[in-house]
Amino acid sequence: MIKNKKVDLRLKTLKHNIDAVNECNNDTLKDTVLECGIGYHKKYPYNEETINLFNKHEALQKHREEKLFSSILNFTQTFYSIKEYLVKEYPSKEVIIENFFSNEKVKMKSRKEISNDLKHNPEKDLKFGIGEVSREIILEPKKRIEKINMRKTWFYSGIDAVEYCNILFRELLELIEINFNESE
């Protein structure tokens, strides 16, 4: 990727982190009810065995949600640490690096803003819940169709945090490919 060993090590860590984010996200989309052996088609008596089954389902679901939160937090902190190493190792490109991390915006947020918010700003912390993750508007003659995709996930300022992390990762790789090419 990049000749600098310190930056390259953090990029490899970031790749591991984005893989973990996506894997944890996929886990949260699995049906924990079925995984715990609860059948939707069955009636269950109210007894200790049934209560334990439903507690197992809730604990598994909560564990997966917390694991996804941790993965997102690790990703964002590693992402921002790369900025500091790029500036230190490539001082001649500081303006490009600062523009990328601090001035350019993704979905109305600068790239460093999410990292700073998650470290220092409890009001802006990630929130888990059902929300809109995408919207598509199809215009046809005399007709407007609006498709809204809702999902339960971690949101940062109304943005699907998993999608946000994937965007950040892709754009960082593009920045490095364009500005820190190994042939330089």
N, C-alpha and C. Protein backbone atom coordinates (compact mmCIF):
# COMPACT_ATOMS: atom_id res chain seq x y z
N MET A 1 0.81 -1.19 0.00
CA MET A 1 0.00 0.00 0.00
C MET A 1 0.86 1.26 0.00
N ILE A 2 1.63 1.42 1.07
CA ILE A 2 2.42 2.63 1.26
C ILE A 2 3.77 2.19 1.82
N LYS A 3 4.84 2.88 1.42
CA LYS A 3 6.19 2.48 1.85
C LYS A 3 6.42 2.66 3.34
N ASN A 4 5.84 3.67 3.93
CA ASN A 4 6.09 3.97 5.33
C ASN A 4 5.53 2.87 6.22
N LYS A 5 6.39 2.24 7.02
CA LYS A 5 5.99 1.08 7.82
C LYS A 5 4.97 1.45 8.90
N LYS A 6 5.11 2.61 9.52
CA LYS A 6 4.19 3.02 10.59
C LYS A 6 2.79 3.24 10.04
N VAL A 7 2.71 3.91 8.90
CA VAL A 7 1.41 4.17 8.29
C VAL A 7 0.83 2.86 7.75
N ASP A 8 1.66 2.06 7.12
CA ASP A 8 1.20 0.79 6.57
C ASP A 8 0.63 -0.13 7.66
N LEU A 9 1.28 -0.17 8.81
CA LEU A 9 0.79 -0.99 9.92
C LEU A 9 -0.60 -0.51 10.36
N ARG A 10 -0.79 0.79 10.42
CA ARG A 10 -2.11 1.33 10.80
C ARG A 10 -3.16 1.08 9.72
N LEU A 11 -2.75 1.10 8.46
CA LEU A 11 -3.68 0.78 7.37
C LEU A 11 -4.12 -0.68 7.44
N LYS A 12 -3.18 -1.56 7.77
CA LYS A 12 -3.54 -2.97 7.94
C LYS A 12 -4.48 -3.16 9.12
N THR A 13 -4.23 -2.41 10.19
CA THR A 13 -5.13 -2.45 11.35
C THR A 13 -6.50 -1.93 10.97
N LEU A 14 -6.53 -0.85 10.19
CA LEU A 14 -7.80 -0.27 9.75
C LEU A 14 -8.56 -1.27 8.87
N LYS A 15 -7.85 -1.98 8.02
CA LYS A 15 -8.49 -3.01 7.17
C LYS A 15 -9.09 -4.10 8.06
N HIS A 16 -8.35 -4.52 9.08
CA HIS A 16 -8.87 -5.50 10.03
C HIS A 16 -10.11 -4.94 10.73
N ASN A 17 -10.06 -3.66 11.12
CA ASN A 17 -11.19 -3.02 11.80
C ASN A 17 -12.43 -2.93 10.91
N ILE A 18 -12.25 -2.57 9.64
CA ILE A 18 -13.43 -2.46 8.76
C ILE A 18 -14.01 -3.83 8.49
N ASP A 19 -13.16 -4.84 8.40
CA ASP A 19 -13.67 -6.21 8.25
C ASP A 19 -14.47 -6.61 9.49
N ALA A 20 -13.98 -6.23 10.66
CA ALA A 20 -14.68 -6.54 11.91
C ALA A 20 -16.02 -5.79 11.97
N VAL A 21 -16.03 -4.54 11.55
CA VAL A 21 -17.28 -3.76 11.53
C VAL A 21 -18.31 -4.47 10.66
N ASN A 22 -17.91 -4.86 9.46
CA ASN A 22 -18.84 -5.50 8.53
C ASN A 22 -19.28 -6.88 9.03
N GLU A 23 -18.36 -7.63 9.61
CA GLU A 23 -18.71 -8.94 10.16
C GLU A 23 -19.68 -8.80 11.34
N CYS A 24 -19.38 -7.87 12.24
CA CYS A 24 -20.26 -7.63 13.39
C CYS A 24 -21.63 -7.13 12.93
N ASN A 25 -21.64 -6.28 11.91
CA ASN A 25 -22.90 -5.80 11.38
C ASN A 25 -23.73 -6.96 10.83
N ASN A 26 -23.08 -7.84 10.07
CA ASN A 26 -23.79 -9.01 9.54
C ASN A 26 -24.34 -9.88 10.67
N ASP A 27 -23.58 -10.01 11.75
CA ASP A 27 -24.05 -10.78 12.90
C ASP A 27 -25.30 -10.16 13.52
N THR A 28 -25.34 -8.82 13.59
CA THR A 28 -26.52 -8.17 14.19
C THR A 28 -27.76 -8.34 13.32
N LEU A 29 -27.56 -8.66 12.04
CA LEU A 29 -28.70 -8.85 11.14
C LEU A 29 -29.27 -10.27 11.21
N LYS A 30 -28.55 -11.16 11.86
CA LYS A 30 -29.03 -12.55 12.00
C LYS A 30 -30.17 -12.60 13.00
N ASP A 31 -31.01 -13.58 12.84
CA ASP A 31 -32.17 -13.75 13.71
C ASP A 31 -31.77 -14.52 14.96
N THR A 32 -31.54 -13.80 16.05
CA THR A 32 -31.11 -14.44 17.31
C THR A 32 -32.22 -15.28 17.92
N VAL A 33 -33.44 -15.00 17.59
CA VAL A 33 -34.55 -15.81 18.10
C VAL A 33 -34.41 -17.24 17.60
N LEU A 34 -34.24 -17.39 16.29
CA LEU A 34 -34.08 -18.73 15.72
C LEU A 34 -32.78 -19.39 16.17
N GLU A 35 -31.71 -18.60 16.26
CA GLU A 35 -30.43 -19.16 16.68
C GLU A 35 -30.47 -19.74 18.08
N CYS A 36 -31.32 -19.19 18.92
CA CYS A 36 -31.45 -19.68 20.29
C CYS A 36 -32.43 -20.84 20.40
N GLY A 37 -32.99 -21.26 19.28
CA GLY A 37 -33.88 -22.41 19.29
C GLY A 37 -35.34 -22.07 19.56
N ILE A 38 -35.69 -20.83 19.44
CA ILE A 38 -37.08 -20.42 19.63
C ILE A 38 -37.77 -20.46 18.27
N GLY A 39 -38.90 -21.09 18.20
CA GLY A 39 -39.64 -21.18 16.95
C GLY A 39 -40.77 -20.17 16.94
N TYR A 40 -40.90 -19.46 15.85
CA TYR A 40 -41.97 -18.47 15.74
C TYR A 40 -43.36 -19.14 15.69
N HIS A 41 -43.38 -20.36 15.19
CA HIS A 41 -44.65 -21.05 15.00
C HIS A 41 -45.13 -21.78 16.26
N LYS A 42 -44.35 -21.76 17.32
CA LYS A 42 -44.68 -22.51 18.54
C LYS A 42 -45.26 -21.59 19.61
N LYS A 43 -46.06 -22.19 20.47
CA LYS A 43 -46.52 -21.50 21.67
C LYS A 43 -45.65 -22.01 22.81
N TYR A 44 -45.27 -21.12 23.70
CA TYR A 44 -44.40 -21.49 24.81
C TYR A 44 -45.11 -21.25 26.13
N PRO A 45 -44.99 -22.23 27.02
CA PRO A 45 -45.56 -22.02 28.36
C PRO A 45 -44.68 -21.03 29.13
N TYR A 46 -45.28 -20.34 30.04
CA TYR A 46 -44.52 -19.41 30.87
C TYR A 46 -43.90 -20.20 32.01
N ASN A 47 -42.63 -20.58 31.81
CA ASN A 47 -41.92 -21.31 32.85
C ASN A 47 -40.44 -20.93 32.81
N GLU A 48 -39.67 -21.51 33.70
CA GLU A 48 -38.25 -21.15 33.82
C GLU A 48 -37.46 -21.47 32.55
N GLU A 49 -37.76 -22.57 31.93
CA GLU A 49 -37.07 -22.98 30.71
C GLU A 49 -37.30 -21.97 29.58
N THR A 50 -38.54 -21.54 29.42
CA THR A 50 -38.88 -20.55 28.39
C THR A 50 -38.23 -19.21 28.70
N ILE A 51 -38.28 -18.81 29.95
CA ILE A 51 -37.65 -17.54 30.35
C ILE A 51 -36.16 -17.58 30.05
N ASN A 52 -35.49 -18.69 30.34
CA ASN A 52 -34.06 -18.84 30.05
C ASN A 52 -33.78 -18.76 28.55
N LEU A 53 -34.66 -19.35 27.75
CA LEU A 53 -34.50 -19.30 26.29
C LEU A 53 -34.58 -17.86 25.78
N PHE A 54 -35.57 -17.12 26.26
CA PHE A 54 -35.72 -15.73 25.82
C PHE A 54 -34.61 -14.84 26.39
N ASN A 55 -34.15 -15.13 27.59
CA ASN A 55 -33.00 -14.39 28.14
C ASN A 55 -31.75 -14.64 27.32
N LYS A 56 -31.58 -15.87 26.87
CA LYS A 56 -30.43 -16.22 26.02
C LYS A 56 -30.49 -15.42 24.72
N HIS A 57 -31.68 -15.35 24.14
CA HIS A 57 -31.86 -14.57 22.90
C HIS A 57 -31.51 -13.10 23.12
N GLU A 58 -32.01 -12.50 24.19
CA GLU A 58 -31.73 -11.09 24.48
C GLU A 58 -30.26 -10.85 24.76
N ALA A 59 -29.62 -11.77 25.48
CA ALA A 59 -28.19 -11.62 25.80
C ALA A 59 -27.34 -11.71 24.53
N LEU A 60 -27.68 -12.64 23.64
CA LEU A 60 -26.94 -12.79 22.38
C LEU A 60 -27.10 -11.54 21.52
N GLN A 61 -28.32 -11.04 21.45
CA GLN A 61 -28.57 -9.83 20.66
C GLN A 61 -27.80 -8.64 21.23
N LYS A 62 -27.84 -8.46 22.52
CA LYS A 62 -27.12 -7.35 23.17
C LYS A 62 -25.61 -7.49 22.97
N HIS A 63 -25.09 -8.71 23.10
CA HIS A 63 -23.66 -8.96 22.90
C HIS A 63 -23.24 -8.54 21.48
N ARG A 64 -24.03 -8.90 20.50
CA ARG A 64 -23.71 -8.55 19.11
C ARG A 64 -23.77 -7.05 18.87
N GLU A 65 -24.75 -6.39 19.47
CA GLU A 65 -24.86 -4.94 19.34
C GLU A 65 -23.65 -4.25 19.96
N GLU A 66 -23.23 -4.72 21.13
CA GLU A 66 -22.07 -4.12 21.81
C GLU A 66 -20.78 -4.40 21.06
N LYS A 67 -20.68 -5.57 20.47
CA LYS A 67 -19.49 -5.92 19.68
C LYS A 67 -19.39 -5.02 18.44
N LEU A 68 -20.52 -4.73 17.82
CA LEU A 68 -20.53 -3.83 16.67
C LEU A 68 -20.13 -2.42 17.10
N PHE A 69 -20.66 -1.95 18.23
CA PHE A 69 -20.27 -0.64 18.75
C PHE A 69 -18.76 -0.57 18.94
N SER A 70 -18.20 -1.58 19.57
CA SER A 70 -16.76 -1.62 19.83
C SER A 70 -15.97 -1.59 18.53
N SER A 71 -16.42 -2.33 17.54
CA SER A 71 -15.74 -2.36 16.24
C SER A 71 -15.77 -1.00 15.56
N ILE A 72 -16.91 -0.33 15.62
CA ILE A 72 -17.03 1.00 15.02
C ILE A 72 -16.11 1.98 15.74
N LEU A 73 -16.11 1.93 17.06
CA LEU A 73 -15.25 2.83 17.84
C LEU A 73 -13.77 2.58 17.53
N ASN A 74 -13.36 1.32 17.48
CA ASN A 74 -11.97 0.99 17.14
C ASN A 74 -11.61 1.49 15.75
N PHE A 75 -12.52 1.30 14.80
CA PHE A 75 -12.27 1.76 13.44
C PHE A 75 -12.05 3.26 13.41
N THR A 76 -12.95 4.02 14.02
CA THR A 76 -12.86 5.48 13.93
C THR A 76 -11.60 6.01 14.60
N GLN A 77 -11.19 5.39 15.68
CA GLN A 77 -9.99 5.87 16.37
C GLN A 77 -8.73 5.54 15.56
N THR A 78 -8.69 4.37 14.95
CA THR A 78 -7.55 4.00 14.10
C THR A 78 -7.52 4.90 12.86
N PHE A 79 -8.70 5.14 12.30
CA PHE A 79 -8.80 6.00 11.12
C PHE A 79 -8.17 7.36 11.39
N TYR A 80 -8.54 7.95 12.50
CA TYR A 80 -8.01 9.28 12.80
C TYR A 80 -6.54 9.25 13.17
N SER A 81 -6.07 8.18 13.79
CA SER A 81 -4.64 8.11 14.14
C SER A 81 -3.78 8.10 12.88
N ILE A 82 -4.32 7.57 11.79
CA ILE A 82 -3.58 7.57 10.52
C ILE A 82 -3.27 8.99 10.08
N LYS A 83 -4.19 9.90 10.33
CA LYS A 83 -3.96 11.30 9.98
C LYS A 83 -2.69 11.83 10.63
N GLU A 84 -2.54 11.59 11.92
CA GLU A 84 -1.38 12.09 12.65
C GLU A 84 -0.08 11.51 12.09
N TYR A 85 -0.11 10.23 11.75
CA TYR A 85 1.10 9.61 11.20
C TYR A 85 1.39 10.10 9.78
N LEU A 86 0.37 10.32 8.97
CA LEU A 86 0.60 10.85 7.63
C LEU A 86 1.23 12.24 7.70
N VAL A 87 0.71 13.09 8.59
CA VAL A 87 1.26 14.45 8.74
C VAL A 87 2.71 14.38 9.20
N LYS A 88 2.99 13.51 10.17
CA LYS A 88 4.35 13.40 10.70
C LYS A 88 5.33 12.85 9.66
N GLU A 89 4.89 11.85 8.92
CA GLU A 89 5.78 11.17 7.97
C GLU A 89 5.86 11.88 6.62
N TYR A 90 4.85 12.67 6.28
CA TYR A 90 4.82 13.36 4.99
C TYR A 90 4.49 14.84 5.20
N PRO A 91 5.37 15.57 5.84
CA PRO A 91 5.08 16.99 6.14
C PRO A 91 4.83 17.84 4.89
N SER A 92 5.41 17.46 3.78
CA SER A 92 5.21 18.25 2.55
C SER A 92 3.78 18.12 2.02
N LYS A 93 3.04 17.13 2.48
CA LYS A 93 1.67 16.92 2.01
C LYS A 93 0.64 17.24 3.10
N GLU A 94 1.05 18.03 4.08
CA GLU A 94 0.17 18.34 5.21
C GLU A 94 -1.13 19.01 4.76
N VAL A 95 -1.07 19.89 3.77
CA VAL A 95 -2.28 20.58 3.31
C VAL A 95 -3.28 19.57 2.74
N ILE A 96 -2.80 18.65 1.94
CA ILE A 96 -3.67 17.61 1.35
C ILE A 96 -4.29 16.77 2.46
N ILE A 97 -3.48 16.39 3.43
CA ILE A 97 -3.94 15.55 4.54
C ILE A 97 -4.97 16.29 5.38
N GLU A 98 -4.67 17.54 5.73
CA GLU A 98 -5.60 18.34 6.54
C GLU A 98 -6.92 18.56 5.80
N ASN A 99 -6.84 18.85 4.51
CA ASN A 99 -8.07 19.02 3.73
C ASN A 99 -8.92 17.76 3.77
N PHE A 100 -8.29 16.62 3.56
CA PHE A 100 -9.01 15.36 3.55
C PHE A 100 -9.69 15.09 4.89
N PHE A 101 -8.96 15.21 5.98
CA PHE A 101 -9.50 14.86 7.29
C PHE A 101 -10.36 15.95 7.93
N SER A 102 -10.01 17.20 7.70
CA SER A 102 -10.66 18.27 8.46
C SER A 102 -11.60 19.15 7.67
N ASN A 103 -11.37 19.33 6.39
CA ASN A 103 -12.14 20.30 5.63
C ASN A 103 -13.21 19.67 4.74
N GLU A 104 -12.87 18.60 4.05
CA GLU A 104 -13.85 17.94 3.20
C GLU A 104 -14.88 17.24 4.08
N LYS A 105 -16.11 17.18 3.61
CA LYS A 105 -17.18 16.59 4.41
C LYS A 105 -17.79 15.38 3.70
N VAL A 106 -18.19 14.43 4.52
CA VAL A 106 -18.92 13.26 4.06
C VAL A 106 -20.26 13.30 4.78
N LYS A 107 -21.34 13.39 4.03
CA LYS A 107 -22.67 13.46 4.65
C LYS A 107 -22.75 14.54 5.71
N MET A 108 -22.22 15.70 5.41
CA MET A 108 -22.30 16.89 6.27
C MET A 108 -21.38 16.82 7.50
N LYS A 109 -20.45 15.92 7.55
CA LYS A 109 -19.52 15.80 8.67
C LYS A 109 -18.10 15.73 8.12
N SER A 110 -17.17 16.42 8.79
CA SER A 110 -15.77 16.24 8.38
C SER A 110 -15.33 14.87 8.88
N ARG A 111 -14.32 14.34 8.24
CA ARG A 111 -13.88 12.99 8.58
C ARG A 111 -13.34 12.89 10.00
N LYS A 112 -12.75 13.94 10.50
CA LYS A 112 -12.22 13.86 11.86
C LYS A 112 -13.31 14.10 12.91
N GLU A 113 -14.41 14.69 12.49
CA GLU A 113 -15.48 15.02 13.43
C GLU A 113 -16.05 13.78 14.12
N ILE A 114 -16.25 12.70 13.36
CA ILE A 114 -16.82 11.50 13.98
C ILE A 114 -15.87 10.94 15.04
N SER A 115 -14.58 10.91 14.75
CA SER A 115 -13.61 10.40 15.73
C SER A 115 -13.60 11.26 16.98
N ASN A 116 -13.58 12.56 16.80
CA ASN A 116 -13.58 13.46 17.95
C ASN A 116 -14.88 13.35 18.74
N ASP A 117 -16.01 13.27 18.04
CA ASP A 117 -17.29 13.14 18.74
C ASP A 117 -17.35 11.86 19.56
N LEU A 118 -16.90 10.76 18.99
CA LEU A 118 -16.98 9.49 19.71
C LEU A 118 -16.01 9.43 20.89
N LYS A 119 -14.94 10.21 20.84
CA LYS A 119 -14.00 10.25 21.97
C LYS A 119 -14.44 11.23 23.04
N HIS A 120 -14.97 12.39 22.63
CA HIS A 120 -15.11 13.51 23.56
C HIS A 120 -16.52 14.08 23.71
N ASN A 121 -17.49 13.59 23.00
CA ASN A 121 -18.77 14.27 22.95
C ASN A 121 -19.92 13.30 23.23
N PRO A 122 -20.28 13.07 24.50
CA PRO A 122 -21.33 12.10 24.83
C PRO A 122 -22.68 12.36 24.15
N GLU A 123 -23.03 13.62 23.89
CA GLU A 123 -24.31 13.90 23.23
C GLU A 123 -24.34 13.37 21.80
N LYS A 124 -23.17 13.24 21.19
CA LYS A 124 -23.09 12.78 19.79
C LYS A 124 -22.72 11.31 19.68
N ASP A 125 -22.79 10.60 20.81
CA ASP A 125 -22.40 9.19 20.80
C ASP A 125 -23.29 8.39 19.86
N LEU A 126 -22.79 7.24 19.45
CA LEU A 126 -23.58 6.34 18.62
C LEU A 126 -24.85 5.92 19.35
N LYS A 127 -25.93 5.77 18.59
CA LYS A 127 -27.19 5.32 19.16
C LYS A 127 -27.68 4.11 18.37
N PHE A 128 -28.09 3.08 19.09
CA PHE A 128 -28.57 1.87 18.43
C PHE A 128 -30.09 1.92 18.32
N GLY A 129 -30.60 1.67 17.15
CA GLY A 129 -32.04 1.66 16.98
C GLY A 129 -32.42 1.48 15.52
N ILE A 130 -33.72 1.50 15.29
CA ILE A 130 -34.24 1.37 13.93
C ILE A 130 -34.27 2.76 13.31
N GLY A 131 -33.75 2.84 12.12
CA GLY A 131 -33.75 4.12 11.42
C GLY A 131 -33.56 3.93 9.93
N GLU A 132 -33.69 5.02 9.23
CA GLU A 132 -33.56 5.01 7.78
C GLU A 132 -32.08 4.88 7.40
N VAL A 133 -31.77 3.89 6.58
CA VAL A 133 -30.39 3.73 6.12
C VAL A 133 -30.24 4.09 4.64
N SER A 134 -31.34 4.11 3.90
CA SER A 134 -31.27 4.58 2.52
C SER A 134 -32.66 4.96 2.04
N ARG A 135 -32.67 5.83 1.04
CA ARG A 135 -33.93 6.30 0.46
C ARG A 135 -33.72 6.43 -1.04
N GLU A 136 -34.68 5.92 -1.78
CA GLU A 136 -34.62 5.98 -3.23
C GLU A 136 -35.92 6.58 -3.74
N ILE A 137 -35.81 7.56 -4.60
CA ILE A 137 -36.99 8.20 -5.18
C ILE A 137 -37.01 7.88 -6.67
N ILE A 138 -38.11 7.31 -7.10
CA ILE A 138 -38.28 6.95 -8.51
C ILE A 138 -39.39 7.82 -9.07
N LEU A 139 -39.07 8.60 -10.08
CA LEU A 139 -40.06 9.47 -10.70
C LEU A 139 -40.53 8.83 -12.00
N GLU A 140 -41.81 8.62 -12.06
CA GLU A 140 -42.44 8.10 -13.28
C GLU A 140 -43.50 9.10 -13.70
N PRO A 141 -43.93 9.03 -14.92
CA PRO A 141 -44.99 9.96 -15.33
C PRO A 141 -46.20 9.85 -14.40
N LYS A 142 -46.59 10.97 -13.83
CA LYS A 142 -47.73 11.09 -12.92
C LYS A 142 -47.61 10.22 -11.67
N LYS A 143 -46.39 9.86 -11.32
CA LYS A 143 -46.20 8.97 -10.18
C LYS A 143 -44.83 9.20 -9.55
N ARG A 144 -44.79 9.17 -8.25
CA ARG A 144 -43.52 9.27 -7.52
C ARG A 144 -43.49 8.12 -6.52
N ILE A 145 -42.47 7.29 -6.63
CA ILE A 145 -42.32 6.15 -5.74
C ILE A 145 -41.12 6.42 -4.84
N GLU A 146 -41.33 6.29 -3.55
CA GLU A 146 -40.25 6.51 -2.59
C GLU A 146 -40.03 5.21 -1.82
N LYS A 147 -38.83 4.65 -1.96
CA LYS A 147 -38.48 3.43 -1.25
C LYS A 147 -37.55 3.79 -0.10
N ILE A 148 -37.95 3.43 1.10
CA ILE A 148 -37.16 3.73 2.28
C ILE A 148 -36.71 2.42 2.91
N ASN A 149 -35.41 2.27 3.09
CA ASN A 149 -34.86 1.08 3.71
C ASN A 149 -34.57 1.39 5.17
N MET A 150 -35.26 0.70 6.07
CA MET A 150 -35.08 0.89 7.51
C MET A 150 -34.34 -0.33 8.06
N ARG A 151 -33.46 -0.08 9.04
CA ARG A 151 -32.73 -1.18 9.65
C ARG A 151 -32.35 -0.80 11.06
N LYS A 152 -32.19 -1.78 11.90
CA LYS A 152 -31.71 -1.55 13.25
C LYS A 152 -30.18 -1.60 13.21
N THR A 153 -29.55 -0.50 13.56
CA THR A 153 -28.10 -0.42 13.52
C THR A 153 -27.64 0.73 14.42
N TRP A 154 -26.34 0.95 14.48
CA TRP A 154 -25.78 2.09 15.21
C TRP A 154 -25.81 3.30 14.30
N PHE A 155 -26.31 4.41 14.82
CA PHE A 155 -26.37 5.64 14.05
C PHE A 155 -25.50 6.71 14.72
N TYR A 156 -24.85 7.49 13.88
CA TYR A 156 -24.08 8.64 14.33
C TYR A 156 -24.68 9.85 13.65
N SER A 157 -25.27 10.74 14.42
CA SER A 157 -25.92 11.96 13.89
C SER A 157 -26.87 11.63 12.75
N GLY A 158 -27.64 10.57 12.90
CA GLY A 158 -28.61 10.18 11.89
C GLY A 158 -28.02 9.44 10.70
N ILE A 159 -26.73 9.16 10.73
CA ILE A 159 -26.04 8.47 9.63
C ILE A 159 -25.79 7.02 10.06
N ASP A 160 -26.04 6.09 9.16
CA ASP A 160 -25.72 4.68 9.42
C ASP A 160 -24.21 4.58 9.61
N ALA A 161 -23.77 4.28 10.83
CA ALA A 161 -22.35 4.29 11.16
C ALA A 161 -21.56 3.23 10.38
N VAL A 162 -22.17 2.11 10.07
CA VAL A 162 -21.47 1.07 9.30
C VAL A 162 -21.19 1.57 7.90
N GLU A 163 -22.20 2.17 7.28
CA GLU A 163 -22.02 2.74 5.94
C GLU A 163 -20.95 3.84 5.99
N TYR A 164 -21.01 4.66 7.00
CA TYR A 164 -20.06 5.76 7.16
C TYR A 164 -18.63 5.24 7.24
N CYS A 165 -18.41 4.19 8.03
CA CYS A 165 -17.06 3.61 8.16
C CYS A 165 -16.57 3.07 6.82
N ASN A 166 -17.44 2.42 6.07
CA ASN A 166 -17.05 1.89 4.77
C ASN A 166 -16.70 3.00 3.79
N ILE A 167 -17.43 4.10 3.84
CA ILE A 167 -17.12 5.26 2.99
C ILE A 167 -15.76 5.83 3.38
N LEU A 168 -15.54 6.03 4.68
CA LEU A 168 -14.25 6.56 5.15
C LEU A 168 -13.09 5.69 4.70
N PHE A 169 -13.24 4.40 4.82
CA PHE A 169 -12.17 3.47 4.44
C PHE A 169 -11.85 3.57 2.95
N ARG A 170 -12.90 3.53 2.11
CA ARG A 170 -12.68 3.62 0.65
C ARG A 170 -12.00 4.93 0.28
N GLU A 171 -12.47 6.02 0.88
CA GLU A 171 -11.91 7.33 0.52
C GLU A 171 -10.47 7.48 1.01
N LEU A 172 -10.14 6.91 2.15
CA LEU A 172 -8.77 6.97 2.64
C LEU A 172 -7.85 6.19 1.69
N LEU A 173 -8.28 5.03 1.25
CA LEU A 173 -7.46 4.26 0.30
C LEU A 173 -7.25 5.03 -1.00
N GLU A 174 -8.29 5.73 -1.46
CA GLU A 174 -8.16 6.56 -2.67
C GLU A 174 -7.16 7.69 -2.44
N LEU A 175 -7.25 8.36 -1.29
CA LEU A 175 -6.31 9.43 -0.96
C LEU A 175 -4.88 8.91 -1.00
N ILE A 176 -4.64 7.79 -0.41
CA ILE A 176 -3.28 7.23 -0.34
C ILE A 176 -2.82 6.80 -1.72
N GLU A 177 -3.70 6.18 -2.49
CA GLU A 177 -3.33 5.74 -3.83
C GLU A 177 -2.95 6.92 -4.71
N ILE A 178 -3.70 8.01 -4.60
CA ILE A 178 -3.43 9.19 -5.44
C ILE A 178 -2.24 9.99 -4.97
N ASN A 179 -2.09 10.17 -3.65
CA ASN A 179 -1.11 11.12 -3.14
C ASN A 179 0.14 10.49 -2.51
N PHE A 180 0.11 9.23 -2.22
CA PHE A 180 1.24 8.60 -1.56
C PHE A 180 1.65 7.34 -2.31
N ASN A 181 1.68 7.45 -3.60
CA ASN A 181 2.01 6.34 -4.48
C ASN A 181 3.43 5.85 -4.16
N GLU A 182 3.62 4.55 -4.19
CA GLU A 182 4.92 3.95 -3.85
C GLU A 182 6.02 4.39 -4.79
N SER A 183 5.66 4.79 -6.01
CA SER A 183 6.71 5.17 -6.98
C SER A 183 7.31 6.54 -6.70
N GLU A 184 6.72 7.29 -5.74
CA GLU A 184 7.25 8.64 -5.45
C GLU A 184 8.54 8.58 -4.69
